Structures are given as C-alpha cells and as structure tokens.
Amino acid sequence: MRIPRLNKAQWSVLIVGLIVLVWLVAGIISIAKPKPKTDSTGAYYDSWSHQTVSAPTGKTPDIYGSGGKPVFLGFDSFLSHGMTADQLKSLEMAVENYSQTKNNSIKEVTVDVDNITSQHTPSQFLMLFRIKFNRKDIYNAKVDYSDLTSVQLQLMNSDGSKVYDSGSVDATRAE
C-alpha cells in the first residue's frame, strides 16, 4: 500500500487540525480537573484534616484567617501526638512566618493527620508530617522541639531539599 504525498495546503490543514485537537484535549483536561467537593452551601470536606470547611454564599469563607492569618486545618491533632498547647501556638507562628516570606499569600494550611509520626530520643523530639498550603502546595515537614514552648519548623520539597527553616520559634516570648 502506498501512502499519498500531501501538498502544502493539505499539510497546513493537517497542522491546523492537530493544533485544534491539542487545544480541545487541553480544555477537556482543565475542565475535568478534580476540585474540592462542595455542597450547596459552599462547604467542602478536607480529606487531609478530616474537617469540613465552610464557605457560605454571601459570607466570608473559612479560607480567610482572621487578621491576615491563615486558617489551620488538622493542627489540633498535634496535641494527641504529644505537643503542648504552647508548642502548637509556636508551630502556627512558624507557619505564619513562612507565609510572610510568601507575601502573606497563604490563606489555608492543612496537615495530613493520618500520617503524623513522632520520633523521640532522650534529647530530641521530632514530628514528621505532610503539609499543604492553599489546597495545592505540598511539602514534607519536620518539627523539632526540646522544651515545652518552642519549636523549629523545616519544610522540604518532595526531593528532600530544604525550602524553609524557621529557626527556633517561641510564641510565649512574642506575646
């Protein structure tokens, strides 16, 4: 079987057709992209924190923290893993400090509560977990704490490279 040769006009039509096909496929993929499931009130269930986030029609949604601070989802789980309330405040402050390096663009912070691990030695206490910012940016996180009030937060990319190190943060000294 012999394949017919195409002239310039036929090649142009073929190329334009392929470009249109690529645009159509890209459009279908962007429309079909999964979005957080919301109900008629605008609320959605966050699978990482196991919390429902409210966004009622005509009201300010939960993703806007008070005073420019982000909303923290799942952070209360750290208390059941051995963190003190003061350490939790310090961790939230460390995340707020990271948000400031991003021009306060972080509005929602979620912890994968099903994958928090603790590592304790006589001199060092660590918690390892995944953290998500604004429902999309995911990092591996490590919190180091050795006293009852201060923490050190480190964020790493999926390849393990360090993105952020808070240094020692103590919310009780900032008040």
Foldseek 3Di string as FASTA:
>chain_A
DDDDDDDPVRVVVVVVVVVVVVVVVVVVCVVPPDDFDADPQRWGQDQQQRDIWGDGPPDHTQLADPPLAAAEGNLVLVVVVPAAPLASVQVSVLVCVVCVVVVSPFRYKYWRSVDWDWDDDPAKIKIWTWMDTPVHDIWIWMWIDGDRHKIWIWTAHPVGHTDDISPITGVVVVD
